[in-house]
Amino acid sequence: MADLKQITERVQAAINIVRPYLQNDGGDISLIEVTEDMVAKVKLLGACGTCPYSLMTLKNGVEQAIRRDVPEIKEVVAVNEDM
C-alpha cells in the first residue's frame, strides 16, 4: 500500500481536477489532511462553504472524483474553520 504522503499527493491531484468546476460557481476547496484511516478532510471555501447543496457537491462530485483516482480513500468529509 502506498504511503500516506503519496496518497495525499494523489488526493491533491484529484482535487485539482475538480477545482475549476467549483471555482466556476464561486467556490473552491482545500485539502486539510488525509488521516491514517484513509479519510480525506477538505474545507469547502467561498460559495461552496455556504451553499445549501455543498453536501451534495462534496459527496456526488468531490468524493466520487477522489475515490475514482485514489481508491484507498474510504470517505471525504468537510471540516469547519474551528477544527
N, C-alpha and C. Protein backbone atom coordinates (compact mmCIF):
# COMPACT_ATOMS: atom_id res chain seq x y z
N MET A 1 0.85 -1.19 0.00
CA MET A 1 0.00 0.00 0.00
C MET A 1 0.89 1.24 0.00
N ALA A 2 0.47 2.22 -0.75
CA ALA A 2 1.24 3.47 -0.84
C ALA A 2 1.29 4.16 0.51
N ASP A 3 2.35 4.92 0.72
CA ASP A 3 2.43 5.62 2.00
C ASP A 3 1.52 6.85 1.98
N LEU A 4 1.30 7.39 3.17
CA LEU A 4 0.35 8.49 3.36
C LEU A 4 0.72 9.71 2.53
N LYS A 5 2.00 9.98 2.39
CA LYS A 5 2.43 11.14 1.60
C LYS A 5 2.04 10.98 0.14
N GLN A 6 2.26 9.78 -0.42
CA GLN A 6 1.88 9.53 -1.81
C GLN A 6 0.37 9.62 -1.99
N ILE A 7 -0.38 9.07 -1.05
CA ILE A 7 -1.84 9.11 -1.14
C ILE A 7 -2.31 10.56 -1.06
N THR A 8 -1.73 11.34 -0.16
CA THR A 8 -2.10 12.75 -0.03
C THR A 8 -1.83 13.49 -1.34
N GLU A 9 -0.71 13.21 -1.98
CA GLU A 9 -0.40 13.85 -3.27
C GLU A 9 -1.41 13.46 -4.34
N ARG A 10 -1.82 12.21 -4.34
CA ARG A 10 -2.81 11.75 -5.32
C ARG A 10 -4.18 12.38 -5.06
N VAL A 11 -4.55 12.53 -3.78
CA VAL A 11 -5.81 13.19 -3.44
C VAL A 11 -5.76 14.65 -3.89
N GLN A 12 -4.63 15.31 -3.65
CA GLN A 12 -4.49 16.71 -4.08
C GLN A 12 -4.63 16.82 -5.59
N ALA A 13 -4.06 15.89 -6.32
CA ALA A 13 -4.17 15.90 -7.79
C ALA A 13 -5.62 15.74 -8.23
N ALA A 14 -6.37 14.86 -7.55
CA ALA A 14 -7.78 14.66 -7.87
C ALA A 14 -8.58 15.92 -7.58
N ILE A 15 -8.26 16.58 -6.46
CA ILE A 15 -8.94 17.84 -6.11
C ILE A 15 -8.65 18.89 -7.17
N ASN A 16 -7.42 18.94 -7.65
CA ASN A 16 -7.06 19.93 -8.67
C ASN A 16 -7.86 19.74 -9.95
N ILE A 17 -8.30 18.52 -10.21
CA ILE A 17 -9.13 18.25 -11.39
C ILE A 17 -10.53 18.83 -11.23
N VAL A 18 -11.12 18.71 -10.03
CA VAL A 18 -12.49 19.21 -9.82
C VAL A 18 -12.54 20.68 -9.42
N ARG A 19 -11.41 21.22 -8.99
CA ARG A 19 -11.37 22.60 -8.52
C ARG A 19 -11.96 23.61 -9.53
N PRO A 20 -11.62 23.55 -10.82
CA PRO A 20 -12.17 24.54 -11.76
C PRO A 20 -13.71 24.57 -11.80
N TYR A 21 -14.33 23.42 -11.61
CA TYR A 21 -15.80 23.36 -11.60
C TYR A 21 -16.36 24.11 -10.40
N LEU A 22 -15.71 23.95 -9.26
CA LEU A 22 -16.14 24.66 -8.06
C LEU A 22 -15.89 26.16 -8.22
N GLN A 23 -14.75 26.51 -8.78
CA GLN A 23 -14.40 27.92 -8.96
C GLN A 23 -15.36 28.61 -9.93
N ASN A 24 -15.86 27.87 -10.91
CA ASN A 24 -16.85 28.44 -11.83
C ASN A 24 -18.11 28.90 -11.12
N ASP A 25 -18.41 28.26 -10.00
CA ASP A 25 -19.60 28.61 -9.21
C ASP A 25 -19.25 29.51 -8.03
N GLY A 26 -18.04 30.06 -8.02
CA GLY A 26 -17.65 30.98 -6.95
C GLY A 26 -17.13 30.30 -5.71
N GLY A 27 -16.80 29.04 -5.80
CA GLY A 27 -16.31 28.31 -4.63
C GLY A 27 -14.90 27.80 -4.85
N ASP A 28 -14.44 27.04 -3.91
CA ASP A 28 -13.13 26.41 -4.00
C ASP A 28 -13.06 25.31 -2.95
N ILE A 29 -11.97 24.60 -2.94
CA ILE A 29 -11.78 23.50 -1.99
C ILE A 29 -10.32 23.43 -1.61
N SER A 30 -10.08 23.06 -0.37
CA SER A 30 -8.72 22.93 0.13
C SER A 30 -8.60 21.60 0.86
N LEU A 31 -7.54 20.87 0.58
CA LEU A 31 -7.28 19.62 1.30
C LEU A 31 -6.64 19.95 2.64
N ILE A 32 -7.25 19.50 3.71
CA ILE A 32 -6.72 19.73 5.05
C ILE A 32 -5.75 18.60 5.42
N GLU A 33 -6.21 17.36 5.29
CA GLU A 33 -5.33 16.24 5.60
C GLU A 33 -5.95 14.94 5.11
N VAL A 34 -5.12 13.93 5.02
CA VAL A 34 -5.57 12.56 4.83
C VAL A 34 -5.16 11.83 6.09
N THR A 35 -6.13 11.24 6.76
CA THR A 35 -5.86 10.58 8.04
C THR A 35 -5.31 9.17 7.81
N GLU A 36 -4.77 8.60 8.87
CA GLU A 36 -4.23 7.23 8.83
C GLU A 36 -5.29 6.21 8.43
N ASP A 37 -6.56 6.50 8.78
CA ASP A 37 -7.64 5.57 8.43
C ASP A 37 -8.27 5.91 7.07
N MET A 38 -7.53 6.65 6.24
CA MET A 38 -7.87 6.93 4.84
C MET A 38 -9.15 7.76 4.68
N VAL A 39 -9.30 8.77 5.51
CA VAL A 39 -10.36 9.75 5.36
C VAL A 39 -9.71 11.04 4.90
N ALA A 40 -10.21 11.59 3.80
CA ALA A 40 -9.70 12.86 3.29
C ALA A 40 -10.56 13.97 3.90
N LYS A 41 -9.90 14.88 4.60
CA LYS A 41 -10.60 16.03 5.20
C LYS A 41 -10.35 17.24 4.32
N VAL A 42 -11.44 17.85 3.88
CA VAL A 42 -11.35 19.00 2.99
C VAL A 42 -12.13 20.17 3.59
N LYS A 43 -11.81 21.35 3.10
CA LYS A 43 -12.55 22.54 3.50
C LYS A 43 -13.14 23.15 2.24
N LEU A 44 -14.46 23.33 2.26
CA LEU A 44 -15.13 23.99 1.15
C LEU A 44 -15.06 25.49 1.39
N LEU A 45 -14.66 26.22 0.38
CA LEU A 45 -14.41 27.65 0.51
C LEU A 45 -15.35 28.47 -0.37
N GLY A 46 -15.44 29.76 -0.07
CA GLY A 46 -16.24 30.67 -0.89
C GLY A 46 -17.70 30.24 -0.91
N ALA A 47 -18.29 30.29 -2.08
CA ALA A 47 -19.70 29.94 -2.23
C ALA A 47 -19.97 28.50 -1.80
N CYS A 48 -19.00 27.63 -1.97
CA CYS A 48 -19.20 26.22 -1.59
C CYS A 48 -19.33 26.05 -0.08
N GLY A 49 -18.76 26.96 0.68
CA GLY A 49 -18.84 26.86 2.13
C GLY A 49 -20.21 27.19 2.69
N THR A 50 -21.01 27.95 1.93
CA THR A 50 -22.31 28.37 2.42
C THR A 50 -23.47 27.86 1.58
N CYS A 51 -23.16 27.17 0.50
CA CYS A 51 -24.21 26.69 -0.41
C CYS A 51 -25.01 25.58 0.25
N PRO A 52 -26.35 25.63 0.12
CA PRO A 52 -27.16 24.56 0.70
C PRO A 52 -26.94 23.21 0.03
N TYR A 53 -26.34 23.22 -1.16
CA TYR A 53 -26.07 21.98 -1.89
C TYR A 53 -24.64 21.50 -1.70
N SER A 54 -23.90 22.11 -0.79
CA SER A 54 -22.49 21.77 -0.64
C SER A 54 -22.28 20.31 -0.25
N LEU A 55 -23.16 19.73 0.55
CA LEU A 55 -23.01 18.32 0.92
C LEU A 55 -23.17 17.43 -0.31
N MET A 56 -24.13 17.77 -1.17
CA MET A 56 -24.31 17.01 -2.41
C MET A 56 -23.08 17.16 -3.31
N THR A 57 -22.56 18.38 -3.40
CA THR A 57 -21.36 18.62 -4.20
C THR A 57 -20.21 17.79 -3.65
N LEU A 58 -20.07 17.80 -2.33
CA LEU A 58 -18.98 17.06 -1.71
C LEU A 58 -19.10 15.57 -1.99
N LYS A 59 -20.26 15.01 -1.74
CA LYS A 59 -20.43 13.56 -1.87
C LYS A 59 -20.52 13.10 -3.33
N ASN A 60 -21.28 13.81 -4.15
CA ASN A 60 -21.52 13.36 -5.52
C ASN A 60 -20.44 13.81 -6.50
N GLY A 61 -19.73 14.87 -6.19
CA GLY A 61 -18.71 15.37 -7.09
C GLY A 61 -17.31 15.10 -6.59
N VAL A 62 -16.98 15.74 -5.50
CA VAL A 62 -15.61 15.69 -4.98
C VAL A 62 -15.25 14.28 -4.51
N GLU A 63 -16.09 13.70 -3.68
CA GLU A 63 -15.76 12.36 -3.15
C GLU A 63 -15.67 11.34 -4.28
N GLN A 64 -16.59 11.41 -5.24
CA GLN A 64 -16.54 10.46 -6.36
C GLN A 64 -15.24 10.60 -7.14
N ALA A 65 -14.82 11.83 -7.41
CA ALA A 65 -13.60 12.06 -8.17
C ALA A 65 -12.38 11.56 -7.40
N ILE A 66 -12.34 11.85 -6.11
CA ILE A 66 -11.20 11.42 -5.30
C ILE A 66 -11.16 9.90 -5.21
N ARG A 67 -12.29 9.28 -4.94
CA ARG A 67 -12.30 7.83 -4.77
C ARG A 67 -12.05 7.10 -6.08
N ARG A 68 -12.41 7.72 -7.20
CA ARG A 68 -12.12 7.13 -8.51
C ARG A 68 -10.60 7.09 -8.74
N ASP A 69 -9.93 8.20 -8.39
CA ASP A 69 -8.49 8.31 -8.63
C ASP A 69 -7.65 7.73 -7.50
N VAL A 70 -8.22 7.69 -6.29
CA VAL A 70 -7.48 7.19 -5.12
C VAL A 70 -8.40 6.22 -4.38
N PRO A 71 -8.51 5.00 -4.87
CA PRO A 71 -9.47 4.06 -4.27
C PRO A 71 -9.18 3.70 -2.82
N GLU A 72 -7.97 4.01 -2.34
CA GLU A 72 -7.66 3.74 -0.93
C GLU A 72 -8.49 4.62 0.01
N ILE A 73 -8.95 5.76 -0.47
CA ILE A 73 -9.72 6.68 0.37
C ILE A 73 -11.09 6.08 0.64
N LYS A 74 -11.45 6.04 1.93
CA LYS A 74 -12.73 5.47 2.33
C LYS A 74 -13.85 6.49 2.34
N GLU A 75 -13.51 7.75 2.67
CA GLU A 75 -14.54 8.79 2.80
C GLU A 75 -13.88 10.15 2.65
N VAL A 76 -14.69 11.11 2.20
CA VAL A 76 -14.27 12.50 2.15
C VAL A 76 -15.24 13.28 3.03
N VAL A 77 -14.68 14.04 3.97
CA VAL A 77 -15.52 14.82 4.88
C VAL A 77 -15.08 16.28 4.85
N ALA A 78 -16.07 17.15 5.05
CA ALA A 78 -15.78 18.58 5.14
C ALA A 78 -15.56 18.94 6.60
N VAL A 79 -14.58 19.79 6.83
CA VAL A 79 -14.28 20.24 8.20
C VAL A 79 -14.59 21.72 8.32
N ASN A 80 -14.87 22.14 9.55
CA ASN A 80 -15.19 23.53 9.83
C ASN A 80 -13.92 24.33 10.08
N GLU A 81 -14.08 25.64 10.15
CA GLU A 81 -13.00 26.55 10.47
C GLU A 81 -12.34 26.20 11.81
N ASP A 82 -13.16 25.84 12.77
CA ASP A 82 -12.67 25.68 14.14
C ASP A 82 -12.01 24.33 14.38
N MET A 83 -11.78 23.54 13.38
CA MET A 83 -11.12 22.25 13.59
C MET A 83 -9.63 22.39 13.47
